[in-house]
């Protein structure tokens, strides 16, 4: 009976950690979304420059897109620096 309990505990420990494939896929998706946020940010700023978008709405969109881009970059691991050897 004790052997079954030990086996069950080992299985729960293994399922707590995400596999490397899952982490890499999440980072890749977040990186692509962060790049799209940057392009959207450039489009909004260009619309404000050309006068096709109101300044108030453009400012709100720039701030929202910028915050989303920074958060997605953080989720993708963009702010993790490699240790110096």
Protein backbone atom coordinates (compact mmCIF):
# COMPACT_ATOMS: atom_id res chain seq x y z
CA UNK A 1 0.00 0.00 0.00
CA UNK A 2 2.84 2.39 0.73
CA UNK A 3 4.32 1.80 -2.71
CA UNK A 4 1.15 3.02 -4.39
CA UNK A 5 1.18 6.21 -2.35
CA UNK A 6 4.79 6.89 -3.31
CA UNK A 7 4.03 6.31 -6.98
CA UNK A 8 1.08 8.69 -6.84
CA UNK A 9 3.22 11.38 -5.22
CA UNK A 10 5.85 11.03 -7.94
CA UNK A 11 3.23 11.43 -10.64
CA UNK A 12 1.85 14.62 -9.13
CA UNK A 13 5.33 16.10 -8.90
CA UNK A 14 5.94 15.42 -12.57
CA UNK A 15 2.67 16.97 -13.71
CA UNK A 16 3.29 20.24 -11.86
CA UNK A 17 6.10 21.28 -14.16
CA UNK A 18 5.47 22.34 -17.72
CA UNK A 19 7.40 20.69 -20.47
CA UNK A 20 9.99 22.63 -22.41
CA UNK A 21 7.90 22.38 -25.56
CA UNK A 22 4.99 24.11 -23.85
CA UNK A 23 7.21 26.89 -22.52
CA UNK A 24 8.86 27.44 -25.90
CA UNK A 25 5.50 27.49 -27.67
CA UNK A 26 4.12 30.03 -25.18
CA UNK A 27 7.21 32.21 -25.57
CA UNK A 28 7.02 32.01 -29.35
CA UNK A 29 3.33 32.97 -29.41
CA UNK A 30 3.88 35.84 -26.98
CA UNK A 31 6.83 37.06 -29.05
CA UNK A 32 4.78 37.11 -32.24
CA UNK A 33 1.95 38.95 -30.48
CA UNK A 34 4.45 41.47 -29.07
CA UNK A 35 5.79 42.13 -32.57
CA UNK A 36 2.24 42.64 -33.85
CA UNK A 37 1.61 45.09 -30.99
CA UNK A 38 4.68 47.04 -32.07
CA UNK A 39 3.43 47.21 -35.66
CA UNK A 40 0.00 48.31 -34.46
CA UNK A 41 1.70 50.96 -32.35
CA UNK A 42 3.52 52.27 -35.42
CA UNK A 43 0.26 52.32 -37.37
CA UNK A 44 -1.54 54.29 -34.70
CA UNK A 45 1.27 56.82 -34.43
CA UNK A 46 1.28 57.16 -38.21
CA UNK A 47 -2.46 57.73 -38.21
CA UNK A 48 -2.07 60.45 -35.60
CA UNK A 49 0.70 62.10 -37.62
CA UNK A 50 -1.35 62.15 -40.81
CA UNK A 51 -4.45 63.44 -39.07
CA UNK A 52 -6.62 60.42 -39.88
CA UNK A 53 -7.03 59.62 -36.17
CA UNK A 54 -8.02 61.92 -33.34
CA UNK A 55 -5.27 62.79 -30.88
CA UNK A 56 -7.18 61.67 -27.77
CA UNK A 57 -8.22 58.28 -29.15
CA UNK A 58 -4.75 57.79 -30.62
CA UNK A 59 -3.10 58.50 -27.28
CA UNK A 60 -5.30 55.93 -25.53
CA UNK A 61 -4.56 53.35 -28.22
CA UNK A 62 -0.81 54.02 -28.07
CA UNK A 63 -0.75 53.61 -24.30
CA UNK A 64 -2.83 50.43 -24.42
CA UNK A 65 -0.83 48.91 -27.23
CA UNK A 66 2.45 49.86 -25.56
CA UNK A 67 1.47 48.27 -22.25
CA UNK A 68 0.25 45.12 -24.03
CA UNK A 69 3.49 44.94 -26.02
CA UNK A 70 5.66 45.29 -22.92
CA UNK A 71 3.69 42.63 -21.04
CA UNK A 72 3.85 40.24 -23.98
CA UNK A 73 7.58 40.87 -24.35
CA UNK A 74 8.01 40.09 -20.65
CA UNK A 75 5.95 36.89 -21.05
CA UNK A 76 8.07 35.89 -24.04
CA UNK A 77 11.25 36.26 -21.97
CA UNK A 78 12.51 39.42 -23.61
CA UNK A 79 13.74 40.94 -20.36
CA UNK A 80 15.69 37.90 -19.18
CA UNK A 81 19.36 38.54 -19.58
CA UNK A 82 21.96 35.84 -19.91
CA UNK A 83 24.45 35.60 -17.06
CA UNK A 84 27.96 36.68 -17.82
CA UNK A 85 30.48 33.84 -17.87
